[in-house]
Amino acid sequence: MVNTPGFRRHDGKVTLLYGAADGAQSLAGEQEVDAESDGLPGSPNPYHWNAFGQRPPLLDVNGDGHADAVVFAPLYEQRRGAYLVLPGTDTGFEPGQARLFTPDDVGVPPRPTAGRE
């Protein structure tokens, strides 16, 4: 998995690279997912800045034996930020089956801003 936070200058993307039998990564058949990928839930920021800012962890979130990516987009979902869980399959990620959670949904407080207590 490779993270490219400066994709399209302000957006981000994640790229799934497949391993080879000797463990080396291969560019053959790589899969890219960004804020404009078909099927993603929620609303990306229309002015971009949807950076997938941190390298997403690969976890088996749904217990199906496939690695899923948990991507955080800080200005996604009307600038509230969102976690996008991209489910893994035998052939890669399935953006059309992604789930969206806002920081509020998972109990993460919003970032404090100047002048707020």
PDB file of N, CA and C in Angstrom:
ATOM      1  N   MET A   1       0.853  -1.159   0.000  1.00  0.00           N
ATOM      2  CA  MET A   1       0.000   0.000   0.000  1.00  0.00           C
ATOM      3  C   MET A   1       0.899   1.221   0.000  1.00  0.00           C
ATOM      4  N   VAL A   2       0.607   2.148  -0.892  1.00  0.00           N
ATOM      5  CA  VAL A   2       1.352   3.390  -0.992  1.00  0.00           C
ATOM      6  C   VAL A   2       0.361   4.539  -0.848  1.00  0.00           C
ATOM      7  N   ASN A   3       0.729   5.539  -0.068  1.00  0.00           N
ATOM      8  CA  ASN A   3      -0.100   6.719   0.125  1.00  0.00           C
ATOM      9  C   ASN A   3       0.532   7.876  -0.639  1.00  0.00           C
ATOM     10  N   THR A   4      -0.276   8.648  -1.359  1.00  0.00           N
ATOM     11  CA  THR A   4       0.198   9.818  -2.089  1.00  0.00           C
ATOM     12  C   THR A   4      -0.647  11.013  -1.650  1.00  0.00           C
ATOM     13  N   PRO A   5      -0.277  11.687  -0.533  1.00  0.00           N
ATOM     14  CA  PRO A   5      -1.127  12.763  -0.011  1.00  0.00           C
ATOM     15  C   PRO A   5      -1.201  13.997  -0.900  1.00  0.00           C
ATOM     16  N   GLY A   6      -0.257  14.220  -1.801  1.00  0.00           N
ATOM     17  CA  GLY A   6      -0.279  15.400  -2.657  1.00  0.00           C
ATOM     18  C   GLY A   6      -0.820  15.150  -4.046  1.00  0.00           C
ATOM     19  N   PHE A   7      -1.569  14.074  -4.246  1.00  0.00           N
ATOM     20  CA  PHE A   7      -2.141  13.757  -5.548  1.00  0.00           C
ATOM     21  C   PHE A   7      -3.039  14.894  -6.013  1.00  0.00           C
ATOM     22  N   ARG A   8      -2.975  15.285  -7.252  1.00  0.00           N
ATOM     23  CA  ARG A   8      -3.696  16.433  -7.819  1.00  0.00           C
ATOM     24  C   ARG A   8      -3.422  17.692  -7.004  1.00  0.00           C
ATOM     25  N   ARG A   9      -2.232  17.806  -6.476  1.00  0.00           N
ATOM     26  CA  ARG A   9      -1.753  18.927  -5.686  1.00  0.00           C
ATOM     27  C   ARG A   9      -2.424  19.072  -4.334  1.00  0.00           C
ATOM     28  N   HIS A  10      -3.698  18.759  -4.210  1.00  0.00           N
ATOM     29  CA  HIS A  10      -4.391  18.973  -2.940  1.00  0.00           C
ATOM     30  C   HIS A  10      -5.138  17.748  -2.443  1.00  0.00           C
ATOM     31  N   ASP A  11      -5.329  16.784  -3.275  1.00  0.00           N
ATOM     32  CA  ASP A  11      -6.047  15.581  -2.879  1.00  0.00           C
ATOM     33  C   ASP A  11      -5.053  14.497  -2.502  1.00  0.00           C
ATOM     34  N   GLY A  12      -5.551  13.368  -2.187  1.00  0.00           N
ATOM     35  CA  GLY A  12      -4.695  12.236  -1.876  1.00  0.00           C
ATOM     36  C   GLY A  12      -5.242  10.989  -2.532  1.00  0.00           C
ATOM     37  N   LYS A  13      -4.401   9.982  -2.578  1.00  0.00           N
ATOM     38  CA  LYS A  13      -4.860   8.687  -3.087  1.00  0.00           C
ATOM     39  C   LYS A  13      -4.064   7.599  -2.393  1.00  0.00           C
ATOM     40  N   VAL A  14      -4.623   6.424  -2.414  1.00  0.00           N
ATOM     41  CA  VAL A  14      -3.911   5.248  -1.946  1.00  0.00           C
ATOM     42  C   VAL A  14      -3.800   4.300  -3.135  1.00  0.00           C
ATOM     43  N   THR A  15      -2.675   3.620  -3.214  1.00  0.00           N
ATOM     44  CA  THR A  15      -2.431   2.679  -4.304  1.00  0.00           C
ATOM     45  C   THR A  15      -2.103   1.323  -3.702  1.00  0.00           C
ATOM     46  N   LEU A  16      -2.839   0.333  -4.122  1.00  0.00           N
ATOM     47  CA  LEU A  16      -2.600  -1.033  -3.685  1.00  0.00           C
ATOM     48  C   LEU A  16      -1.651  -1.672  -4.684  1.00  0.00           C
ATOM     49  N   LEU A  17      -0.489  -2.114  -4.196  1.00  0.00           N
ATOM     50  CA  LEU A  17       0.486  -2.813  -5.033  1.00  0.00           C
ATOM     51  C   LEU A  17       0.466  -4.279  -4.635  1.00  0.00           C
ATOM     52  N   TYR A  18       0.406  -5.125  -5.605  1.00  0.00           N
ATOM     53  CA  TYR A  18       0.351  -6.557  -5.333  1.00  0.00           C
ATOM     54  C   TYR A  18       1.749  -7.114  -5.158  1.00  0.00           C
ATOM     55  N   GLY A  19       1.898  -8.066  -4.277  1.00  0.00           N
ATOM     56  CA  GLY A  19       3.178  -8.729  -4.057  1.00  0.00           C
ATOM     57  C   GLY A  19       3.404  -9.834  -5.065  1.00  0.00           C
ATOM     58  N   ALA A  20       4.665 -10.175  -5.244  1.00  0.00           N
ATOM     59  CA  ALA A  20       5.036 -11.284  -6.116  1.00  0.00           C
ATOM     60  C   ALA A  20       5.405 -12.487  -5.250  1.00  0.00           C
ATOM     61  N   ALA A  21       5.623 -13.610  -5.878  1.00  0.00           N
ATOM     62  CA  ALA A  21       5.962 -14.833  -5.144  1.00  0.00           C
ATOM     63  C   ALA A  21       7.213 -14.666  -4.304  1.00  0.00           C
ATOM     64  N   ASP A  22       8.156 -13.823  -4.762  1.00  0.00           N
ATOM     65  CA  ASP A  22       9.391 -13.603  -3.999  1.00  0.00           C
ATOM     66  C   ASP A  22       9.252 -12.481  -2.974  1.00  0.00           C
ATOM     67  N   GLY A  23       8.045 -11.940  -2.815  1.00  0.00           N
ATOM     68  CA  GLY A  23       7.798 -10.898  -1.824  1.00  0.00           C
ATOM     69  C   GLY A  23       7.958  -9.487  -2.357  1.00  0.00           C
ATOM     70  N   ALA A  24       8.513  -9.325  -3.550  1.00  0.00           N
ATOM     71  CA  ALA A  24       8.696  -7.990  -4.125  1.00  0.00           C
ATOM     72  C   ALA A  24       7.358  -7.440  -4.602  1.00  0.00           C
ATOM     73  N   GLN A  25       7.200  -6.124  -4.504  1.00  0.00           N
ATOM     74  CA  GLN A  25       5.968  -5.511  -4.987  1.00  0.00           C
ATOM     75  C   GLN A  25       6.038  -5.331  -6.490  1.00  0.00           C
ATOM     76  N   SER A  26       4.880  -5.383  -7.118  1.00  0.00           N
ATOM     77  CA  SER A  26       4.791  -5.281  -8.566  1.00  0.00           C
ATOM     78  C   SER A  26       3.814  -4.168  -8.923  1.00  0.00           C
ATOM     79  N   LEU A  27       4.095  -3.447 -10.001  1.00  0.00           N
ATOM     80  CA  LEU A  27       3.157  -2.433 -10.482  1.00  0.00           C
ATOM     81  C   LEU A  27       2.090  -3.034 -11.386  1.00  0.00           C
ATOM     82  N   ALA A  28       2.244  -4.295 -11.748  1.00  0.00           N
ATOM     83  CA  ALA A  28       1.257  -4.945 -12.607  1.00  0.00           C
ATOM     84  C   ALA A  28      -0.070  -5.058 -11.869  1.00  0.00           C
ATOM     85  N   GLY A  29      -1.103  -4.445 -12.422  1.00  0.00           N
ATOM     86  CA  GLY A  29      -2.429  -4.550 -11.837  1.00  0.00           C
ATOM     87  C   GLY A  29      -2.659  -3.716 -10.604  1.00  0.00           C
ATOM     88  N   GLU A  30      -1.831  -2.674 -10.376  1.00  0.00           N
ATOM     89  CA  GLU A  30      -2.053  -1.853  -9.187  1.00  0.00           C
ATOM     90  C   GLU A  30      -3.440  -1.216  -9.238  1.00  0.00           C
ATOM     91  N   GLN A  31      -3.956  -0.856  -8.077  1.00  0.00           N
ATOM     92  CA  GLN A  31      -5.272  -0.241  -7.989  1.00  0.00           C
ATOM     93  C   GLN A  31      -5.153   1.050  -7.209  1.00  0.00           C
ATOM     94  N   GLU A  32      -5.689   2.130  -7.771  1.00  0.00           N
ATOM     95  CA  GLU A  32      -5.663   3.436  -7.109  1.00  0.00           C
ATOM     96  C   GLU A  32      -7.069   3.810  -6.672  1.00  0.00           C
ATOM     97  N   VAL A  33      -7.156   4.393  -5.472  1.00  0.00           N
ATOM     98  CA  VAL A  33      -8.428   4.890  -4.959  1.00  0.00           C
ATOM     99  C   VAL A  33      -8.180   6.299  -4.457  1.00  0.00           C
ATOM    100  N   ASP A  34      -9.022   7.248  -4.914  1.00  0.00           N
ATOM    101  CA  ASP A  34      -8.940   8.626  -4.431  1.00  0.00           C
ATOM    102  C   ASP A  34     -10.351   9.139  -4.192  1.00  0.00           C
ATOM    103  N   ALA A  35     -10.475  10.388  -3.762  1.00  0.00           N
ATOM    104  CA  ALA A  35     -11.779  10.951  -3.380  1.00  0.00           C
ATOM    105  C   ALA A  35     -12.780  10.962  -4.524  1.00  0.00           C
ATOM    106  N   GLU A  36     -12.327  10.863  -5.761  1.00  0.00           N
ATOM    107  CA  GLU A  36     -13.239  10.867  -6.903  1.00  0.00           C
ATOM    108  C   GLU A  36     -13.513   9.476  -7.458  1.00  0.00           C
ATOM    109  N   SER A  37     -13.060   8.434  -6.761  1.00  0.00           N
ATOM    110  CA  SER A  37     -13.316   7.070  -7.227  1.00  0.00           C
ATOM    111  C   SER A  37     -14.809   6.774  -7.181  1.00  0.00           C
ATOM    112  N   ASP A  38     -15.291   6.097  -8.201  1.00  0.00           N
ATOM    113  CA  ASP A  38     -16.709   5.750  -8.278  1.00  0.00           C
ATOM    114  C   ASP A  38     -17.130   4.893  -7.091  1.00  0.00           C
ATOM    115  N   GLY A  39     -18.287   5.220  -6.543  1.00  0.00           N
ATOM    116  CA  GLY A  39     -18.893   4.395  -5.514  1.00  0.00           C
ATOM    117  C   GLY A  39     -18.572   4.758  -4.082  1.00  0.00           C
ATOM    118  N   LEU A  40     -17.605   5.663  -3.849  1.00  0.00           N
ATOM    119  CA  LEU A  40     -17.295   6.019  -2.461  1.00  0.00           C
ATOM    120  C   LEU A  40     -18.480   6.742  -1.831  1.00  0.00           C
ATOM    121  N   PRO A  41     -18.794   6.436  -0.582  1.00  0.00           N
ATOM    122  CA  PRO A  41     -19.903   7.113   0.092  1.00  0.00           C
ATOM    123  C   PRO A  41     -19.506   8.520   0.535  1.00  0.00           C
ATOM    124  N   GLY A  42     -20.497   9.328   0.885  1.00  0.00           N
ATOM    125  CA  GLY A  42     -20.233  10.652   1.435  1.00  0.00           C
ATOM    126  C   GLY A  42     -19.924  11.683   0.376  1.00  0.00           C
ATOM    127  N   SER A  43     -19.445  12.830   0.819  1.00  0.00           N
ATOM    128  CA  SER A  43     -19.166  13.919  -0.096  1.00  0.00           C
ATOM    129  C   SER A  43     -17.761  14.452   0.074  1.00  0.00           C
ATOM    130  N   PRO A  44     -16.970  14.337  -0.985  1.00  0.00           N
ATOM    131  CA  PRO A  44     -15.646  14.946  -0.920  1.00  0.00           C
ATOM    132  C   PRO A  44     -15.769  16.462  -0.958  1.00  0.00           C
ATOM    133  N   ASN A  45     -14.769  17.133  -0.457  1.00  0.00           N
ATOM    134  CA  ASN A  45     -14.729  18.586  -0.526  1.00  0.00           C
ATOM    135  C   ASN A  45     -14.671  18.974  -2.004  1.00  0.00           C
ATOM    136  N   PRO A  46     -15.608  19.794  -2.502  1.00  0.00           N
ATOM    137  CA  PRO A  46     -15.614  20.122  -3.927  1.00  0.00           C
ATOM    138  C   PRO A  46     -14.403  20.939  -4.363  1.00  0.00           C
ATOM    139  N   TYR A  47     -13.692  21.520  -3.430  1.00  0.00           N
ATOM    140  CA  TYR A  47     -12.512  22.319  -3.764  1.00  0.00           C
ATOM    141  C   TYR A  47     -11.234  21.522  -3.556  1.00  0.00           C
ATOM    142  N   HIS A  48     -11.365  20.218  -3.576  1.00  0.00           N
ATOM    143  CA  HIS A  48     -10.271  19.278  -3.343  1.00  0.00           C
ATOM    144  C   HIS A  48      -9.854  19.330  -1.882  1.00  0.00           C
ATOM    145  N   TRP A  49      -8.599  19.287  -1.563  1.00  0.00           N
ATOM    146  CA  TRP A  49      -8.117  19.205  -0.184  1.00  0.00           C
ATOM    147  C   TRP A  49      -8.694  17.989   0.536  1.00  0.00           C
ATOM    148  N   ASN A  50      -8.872  16.912  -0.200  1.00  0.00           N
ATOM    149  CA  ASN A  50      -9.365  15.659   0.370  1.00  0.00           C
ATOM    150  C   ASN A  50      -8.206  14.717   0.685  1.00  0.00           C
ATOM    151  N   ALA A  51      -7.088  15.282   1.044  1.00  0.00           N
ATOM    152  CA  ALA A  51      -5.865  14.495   1.236  1.00  0.00           C
ATOM    153  C   ALA A  51      -6.095  13.289   2.119  1.00  0.00           C
ATOM    154  N   PHE A  52      -5.650  12.156   1.643  1.00  0.00           N
ATOM    155  CA  PHE A  52      -5.615  10.961   2.474  1.00  0.00           C
ATOM    156  C   PHE A  52      -4.279  11.065   3.201  1.00  0.00           C
ATOM    157  N   GLY A  53      -4.275  11.842   4.295  1.00  0.00           N
ATOM    158  CA  GLY A  53      -3.062  12.344   4.910  1.00  0.00           C
ATOM    159  C   GLY A  53      -2.111  11.367   5.551  1.00  0.00           C
ATOM    160  N   GLN A  54      -2.554  10.268   6.053  1.00  0.00           N
ATOM    161  CA  GLN A  54      -1.664   9.316   6.711  1.00  0.00           C
ATOM    162  C   GLN A  54      -1.697   8.004   5.936  1.00  0.00           C
ATOM    163  N   ARG A  55      -0.623   7.258   6.057  1.00  0.00           N
ATOM    164  CA  ARG A  55      -0.621   5.947   5.406  1.00  0.00           C
ATOM    165  C   ARG A  55      -1.676   5.086   6.095  1.00  0.00           C
ATOM    166  N   PRO A  56      -2.670   4.633   5.344  1.00  0.00           N
ATOM    167  CA  PRO A  56      -3.758   3.891   5.977  1.00  0.00           C
ATOM    168  C   PRO A  56      -3.316   2.499   6.428  1.00  0.00           C
ATOM    169  N   PRO A  57      -3.817   2.089   7.578  1.00  0.00           N
ATOM    170  CA  PRO A  57      -3.513   0.724   8.015  1.00  0.00           C
ATOM    171  C   PRO A  57      -4.317  -0.283   7.192  1.00  0.00           C
ATOM    172  N   LEU A  58      -3.752  -1.448   7.023  1.00  0.00           N
ATOM    173  CA  LEU A  58      -4.471  -2.562   6.405  1.00  0.00           C
ATOM    174  C   LEU A  58      -4.907  -3.483   7.532  1.00  0.00           C
ATOM    175  N   LEU A  59      -6.212  -3.616   7.708  1.00  0.00           N
ATOM    176  CA  LEU A  59      -6.796  -4.415   8.784  1.00  0.00           C
ATOM    177  C   LEU A  59      -7.932  -5.245   8.208  1.00  0.00           C
ATOM    178  N   ASP A  60      -8.186  -6.372   8.778  1.00  0.00           N
ATOM    179  CA  ASP A  60      -9.362  -7.144   8.389  1.00  0.00           C
ATOM    180  C   ASP A  60     -10.519  -6.671   9.268  1.00  0.00           C
ATOM    181  N   VAL A  61     -11.129  -5.585   8.874  1.00  0.00           N
ATOM    182  CA  VAL A  61     -12.170  -4.933   9.678  1.00  0.00           C
ATOM    183  C   VAL A  61     -13.440  -5.783   9.761  1.00  0.00           C
ATOM    184  N   ASN A  62     -13.811  -6.427   8.670  1.00  0.00           N
ATOM    185  CA  ASN A  62     -15.083  -7.149   8.653  1.00  0.00           C
ATOM    186  C   ASN A  62     -14.939  -8.664   8.848  1.00  0.00           C
ATOM    187  N   GLY A  63     -13.728  -9.150   9.119  1.00  0.00           N
ATOM    188  CA  GLY A  63     -13.525 -10.558   9.439  1.00  0.00           C
ATOM    189  C   GLY A  63     -13.672 -11.529   8.278  1.00  0.00           C
ATOM    190  N   ASP A  64     -13.526 -11.042   7.043  1.00  0.00           N
ATOM    191  CA  ASP A  64     -13.697 -11.935   5.893  1.00  0.00           C
ATOM    192  C   ASP A  64     -12.378 -12.517   5.375  1.00  0.00           C
ATOM    193  N   GLY A  65     -11.272 -12.243   6.064  1.00  0.00           N
ATOM    194  CA  GLY A  65      -9.985 -12.783   5.642  1.00  0.00           C
ATOM    195  C   GLY A  65      -9.241 -11.936   4.632  1.00  0.00           C
ATOM    196  N   HIS A  66      -9.790 -10.785   4.253  1.00  0.00           N
ATOM    197  CA  HIS A  66      -9.135  -9.872   3.314  1.00  0.00           C
ATOM    198  C   HIS A  66      -8.712  -8.601   4.053  1.00  0.00           C
ATOM    199  N   ALA A  67      -7.598  -8.026   3.640  1.00  0.00           N
ATOM    200  CA  ALA A  67      -7.137  -6.770   4.242  1.00  0.00           C
ATOM    201  C   ALA A  67      -7.979  -5.613   3.724  1.00  0.00           C
ATOM    202  N   ASP A  68      -8.484  -4.802   4.642  1.00  0.00           N
ATOM    203  CA  ASP A  68      -9.259  -3.605   4.319  1.00  0.00           C
ATOM    204  C   ASP A  68      -8.392  -2.397   4.674  1.00  0.00           C
ATOM    205  N   ALA A  69      -8.549  -1.297   3.944  1.00  0.00           N
ATOM    206  CA  ALA A  69      -7.796  -0.076   4.247  1.00  0.00           C
ATOM    207  C   ALA A  69      -8.704   0.899   4.971  1.00  0.00           C
ATOM    208  N   VAL A  70      -8.165   1.544   6.004  1.00  0.00           N
ATOM    209  CA  VAL A  70      -8.895   2.581   6.731  1.00  0.00           C
ATOM    210  C   VAL A  70      -8.214   3.906   6.398  1.00  0.00           C
ATOM    211  N   VAL A  71      -8.887   4.723   5.601  1.00  0.00           N
ATOM    212  CA  VAL A  71      -8.335   5.975   5.085  1.00  0.00           C
ATOM    213  C   VAL A  71      -8.989   7.137   5.819  1.00  0.00           C
ATOM    214  N   PHE A  72      -8.198   8.120   6.252  1.00  0.00           N
ATOM    215  CA  PHE A  72      -8.769   9.326   6.850  1.00  0.00           C
ATOM    216  C   PHE A  72      -8.616  10.485   5.871  1.00  0.00           C
ATOM    217  N   ALA A  73      -9.719  11.154   5.592  1.00  0.00           N
ATOM    218  CA  ALA A  73      -9.738  12.332   4.729  1.00  0.00           C
ATOM    219  C   ALA A  73     -10.220  13.503   5.577  1.00  0.00           C
ATOM    220  N   PRO A  74      -9.322  14.418   5.975  1.00  0.00           N
ATOM    221  CA  PRO A  74      -9.656  15.440   6.960  1.00  0.00           C
ATOM    222  C   PRO A  74     -10.741  16.445   6.554  1.00  0.00           C
ATOM    223  N   LEU A  75     -10.940  16.703   5.276  1.00  0.00           N
ATOM    224  CA  LEU A  75     -11.963  17.674   4.880  1.00  0.00           C
ATOM    225  C   LEU A  75     -13.121  17.035   4.118  1.00  0.00           C
ATOM    226  N   TYR A  76     -13.167  15.741   4.091  1.00  0.00           N
ATOM    227  CA  TYR A  76     -14.252  15.004   3.441  1.00  0.00           C
ATOM    228  C   TYR A  76     -15.520  15.179   4.270  1.00  0.00           C
ATOM    229  N   GLU A  77     -16.639  14.895   3.690  1.00  0.00           N
ATOM    230  CA  GLU A  77     -17.947  14.936   4.376  1.00  0.00           C
ATOM    231  C   GLU A  77     -18.213  16.317   4.964  1.00  0.00           C
ATOM    232  N   GLN A  78     -18.250  17.296   4.053  1.00  0.00           N
ATOM    233  CA  GLN A  78     -18.568  18.687   4.394  1.00  0.00           C
ATOM    234  C   GLN A  78     -17.634  19.251   5.454  1.00  0.00           C
ATOM    235  N   ARG A  79     -16.340  18.941   5.294  1.00  0.00           N
ATOM    236  CA  ARG A  79     -15.250  19.469   6.111  1.00  0.00           C
ATOM    237  C   ARG A  79     -15.241  18.956   7.548  1.00  0.00           C
ATOM    238  N   ARG A  80     -16.061  17.931   7.839  1.00  0.00           N
ATOM    239  CA  ARG A  80     -16.038  17.331   9.174  1.00  0.00           C
ATOM    240  C   ARG A  80     -14.951  16.273   9.285  1.00  0.00           C
ATOM    241  N   GLY A  81     -14.472  15.804   8.149  1.00  0.00           N
ATOM    242  CA  GLY A  81     -13.517  14.711   8.134  1.00  0.00           C
ATOM    243  C   GLY A  81     -14.248  13.384   8.115  1.00  0.00           C
ATOM    244  N   ALA A  82     -13.607  12.383   7.561  1.00  0.00           N
ATOM    245  CA  ALA A  82     -14.242  11.070   7.485  1.00  0.00           C
ATOM    246  C   ALA A  82     -13.199   9.977   7.411  1.00  0.00           C
ATOM    247  N   TYR A  83     -13.538   8.860   8.022  1.00  0.00           N
ATOM    248  CA  TYR A  83     -12.783   7.625   7.866  1.00  0.00           C
ATOM    249  C   TYR A  83     -13.514   6.819   6.806  1.00  0.00           C
ATOM    250  N   LEU A  84     -12.813   6.411   5.778  1.00  0.00           N
ATOM    251  CA  LEU A  84     -13.381   5.555   4.745  1.00  0.00           C
ATOM    252  C   LEU A  84     -12.755   4.174   4.895  1.00  0.00           C
ATOM    253  N   VAL A  85     -13.582   3.170   5.080  1.00  0.00           N
ATOM    254  CA  VAL A  85     -13.101   1.801   5.178  1.00  0.00           C
ATOM    255  C   VAL A  85     -13.312   1.167   3.809  1.00  0.00           C
ATOM    256  N   LEU A  86     -12.187   0.899   3.121  1.00  0.00           N
ATOM    257  CA  LEU A  86     -12.228   0.296   1.791  1.00  0.00           C
ATOM    258  C   LEU A  86     -12.094  -1.213   1.946  1.00  0.00           C
ATOM    259  N   PRO A  87     -13.172  -1.963   1.697  1.00  0.00           N
ATOM    260  CA  PRO A  87     -13.097  -3.407   1.905  1.00  0.00           C
ATOM    261  C   PRO A  87     -12.228  -4.085   0.846  1.00  0.00           C
ATOM    262  N   GLY A  88     -11.416  -5.018   1.304  1.00  0.00           N
ATOM    263  CA  GLY A  88     -10.586  -5.794   0.396  1.00  0.00           C
ATOM    264  C   GLY A  88     -11.333  -7.021  -0.110  1.00  0.00           C
ATOM    265  N   THR A  89     -10.961  -7.454  -1.298  1.00  0.00           N
ATOM    266  CA  THR A  89     -11.538  -8.657  -1.904  1.00  0.00           C
ATOM    267  C   THR A  89     -10.393  -9.481  -2.492  1.00  0.00           C
ATOM    268  N   ASP A  90     -10.717 -10.562  -3.161  1.00  0.00           N
ATOM    269  CA  ASP A  90      -9.693 -11.365  -3.834  1.00  0.00           C
ATOM    270  C   ASP A  90      -8.991 -10.579  -4.934  1.00  0.00           C
ATOM    271  N   THR A  91      -9.663  -9.558  -5.465  1.00  0.00           N
ATOM    272  CA  THR A  91      -9.107  -8.807  -6.600  1.00  0.00           C
ATOM    273  C   THR A  91      -8.715  -7.374  -6.256  1.00  0.00           C
ATOM    274  N   GLY A  92      -8.742  -6.993  -4.998  1.00  0.00           N
ATOM    275  CA  GLY A  92      -8.366  -5.628  -4.608  1.00  0.00           C
ATOM    276  C   GLY A  92      -9.431  -4.988  -3.745  1.00  0.00           C
ATOM    277  N   PHE A  93      -9.438  -3.663  -3.727  1.00  0.00           N
ATOM    278  CA  PHE A  93     -10.431  -2.932  -2.941  1.00  0.00           C
ATOM    279  C   PHE A  93     -11.722  -2.789  -3.718  1.00  0.00           C
ATOM    280  N   GLU A  94     -12.816  -2.653  -2.982  1.00  0.00           N
ATOM    281  CA  GLU A  94     -14.128  -2.458  -3.587  1.00  0.00           C
ATOM    282  C   GLU A  94     -14.699  -1.135  -3.092  1.00  0.00           C
ATOM    283  N   PRO A  95     -14.355  -0.004  -3.763  1.00  0.00           N
ATOM    284  CA  PRO A  95     -14.823   1.311  -3.302  1.00  0.00           C
ATOM    285  C   PRO A  95     -16.344   1.420  -3.202  1.00  0.00           C
ATOM    286  N   GLY A  96     -17.066   0.712  -4.061  1.00  0.00           N
ATOM    287  CA  GLY A  96     -18.527   0.760  -4.030  1.00  0.00           C
ATOM    288  C   GLY A  96     -19.131   0.154  -2.777  1.00  0.00           C
ATOM    289  N   GLN A  97     -18.335  -0.603  -2.017  1.00  0.00           N
ATOM    290  CA  GLN A  97     -18.803  -1.199  -0.772  1.00  0.00           C
ATOM    291  C   GLN A  97     -18.180  -0.522   0.452  1.00  0.00           C
ATOM    292  N   ALA A  98     -17.512   0.614   0.232  1.00  0.00           N
ATOM    293  CA  ALA A  98     -16.832   1.318   1.329  1.00  0.00           C
ATOM    294  C   ALA A  98     -17.844   1.820   2.351  1.00  0.00           C
ATOM    295  N   ARG A  99     -17.378   1.909   3.590  1.00  0.00           N
ATOM    296  CA  ARG A  99     -18.201   2.484   4.668  1.00  0.00           C
ATOM    297  C   ARG A  99     -17.550   3.775   5.119  1.00  0.00           C
ATOM    298  N   LEU A 100     -18.367   4.704   5.560  1.00  0.00           N
ATOM    299  CA  LEU A 100     -17.893   6.014   5.992  1.00  0.00           C
ATOM    300  C   LEU A 100     -18.251   6.226   7.457  1.00  0.00           C
ATOM    301  N   PHE A 101     -17.284   6.728   8.217  1.00  0.00           N
ATOM    302  CA  PHE A 101     -17.503   7.098   9.611  1.00  0.00           C
ATOM    303  C   PHE A 101     -16.912   8.473   9.813  1.00  0.00           C
ATOM    304  N   THR A 102     -17.651   9.353  10.461  1.00  0.00           N
ATOM    305  CA  THR A 102     -17.092  10.664  10.799  1.00  0.00           C
ATOM    306  C   THR A 102     -16.367  10.538  12.140  1.00  0.00           C
ATOM    307  N   PRO A 103     -15.503  11.495  12.460  1.00  0.00           N
ATOM    308  CA  PRO A 103     -14.864  11.458  13.771  1.00  0.00           C
ATOM    309  C   PRO A 103     -15.886  11.376  14.915  1.00  0.00           C
ATOM    310  N   ASP A 104     -17.020  12.074  14.785  1.00  0.00           N
ATOM    311  CA  ASP A 104     -18.070  11.988  15.804  1.00  0.00           C
ATOM    312  C   ASP A 104     -18.587  10.559  15.964  1.00  0.00           C
ATOM    313  N   ASP A 105     -18.718   9.840  14.842  1.00  0.00           N
ATOM    314  CA  ASP A 105     -19.226   8.465  14.880  1.00  0.00           C
ATOM    315  C   ASP A 105     -18.338   7.547  15.714  1.00  0.00           C
ATOM    316  N   VAL A 106     -17.040   7.813  15.713  1.00  0.00           N
ATOM    317  CA  VAL A 106     -16.111   6.933  16.432  1.00  0.00           C
ATOM    318  C   VAL A 106     -15.575   7.569  17.703  1.00  0.00           C
ATOM    319  N   GLY A 107     -16.166   8.707  18.111  1.00  0.00           N
ATOM    320  CA  GLY A 107     -15.822   9.318  19.387  1.00  0.00           C
ATOM    321  C   GLY A 107     -14.531  10.103  19.415  1.00  0.00           C
ATOM    322  N   VAL A 108     -14.083  10.579  18.256  1.00  0.00           N
ATOM    323  CA  VAL A 108     -12.880  11.405  18.201  1.00  0.00           C
ATOM    324  C   VAL A 108     -13.327  12.865  18.239  1.00  0.00           C
ATOM    325  N   PRO A 109     -12.861  13.639  19.223  1.00  0.00           N
ATOM    326  CA  PRO A 109     -13.301  15.032  19.299  1.00  0.00           C
ATOM    327  C   PRO A 109     -12.765  15.847  18.126  1.00  0.00           C
ATOM    328  N   PRO A 110     -13.504  16.883  17.732  1.00  0.00           N
ATOM    329  CA  PRO A 110     -13.006  17.748  16.659  1.00  0.00           C
ATOM    330  C   PRO A 110     -11.745  18.474  17.106  1.00  0.00           C
ATOM    331  N   ARG A 111     -10.954  18.877  16.127  1.00  0.00           N
ATOM    332  CA  ARG A 111      -9.742  19.621  16.441  1.00  0.00           C
ATOM    333  C   ARG A 111     -10.125  20.977  17.023  1.00  0.00           C
ATOM    334  N   PRO A 112      -9.460  21.411  18.082  1.00  0.00           N
ATOM    335  CA  PRO A 112      -9.756  22.734  18.633  1.00  0.00           C
ATOM    336  C   PRO A 112      -9.284  23.818  17.666  1.00  0.00           C
ATOM    337  N   THR A 113     -10.014  24.901  17.648  1.00  0.00           N
ATOM    338  CA  THR A 113      -9.613  26.050  16.825  1.00  0.00           C
ATOM    339  C   THR A 113      -9.337  27.213  17.753  1.00  0.00           C
ATOM    340  N   ALA A 114      -8.610  28.180  17.285  1.00  0.00           N
ATOM    341  CA  ALA A 114      -8.274  29.345  18.098  1.00  0.00           C
ATOM    342  C   ALA A 114      -9.541  30.022  18.618  1.00  0.00           C
ATOM    343  N   GLY A 115      -9.553  30.346  19.876  1.00  0.00           N
ATOM    344  CA  GLY A 115     -10.687  31.045  20.480  1.00  0.00           C
ATOM    345  C   GLY A 115     -11.782  30.136  20.996  1.00  0.00           C
ATOM    346  N   ARG A 116     -11.687  28.835  20.731  1.00  0.00           N
ATOM    347  CA  ARG A 116     -12.701  27.895  21.229  1.00  0.00           C
ATOM    348  C   ARG A 116     -12.190  27.235  22.492  1.00  0.00           C
ATOM    349  N   GLU A 117     -13.083  26.956  23.397  1.00  0.00           N
ATOM    350  CA  GLU A 117     -12.700  26.258  24.621  1.00  0.00           C
ATOM    351  C   GLU A 117     -13.188  24.853  24.599  1.00  0.00           C
TER     352      GLU A 117
END
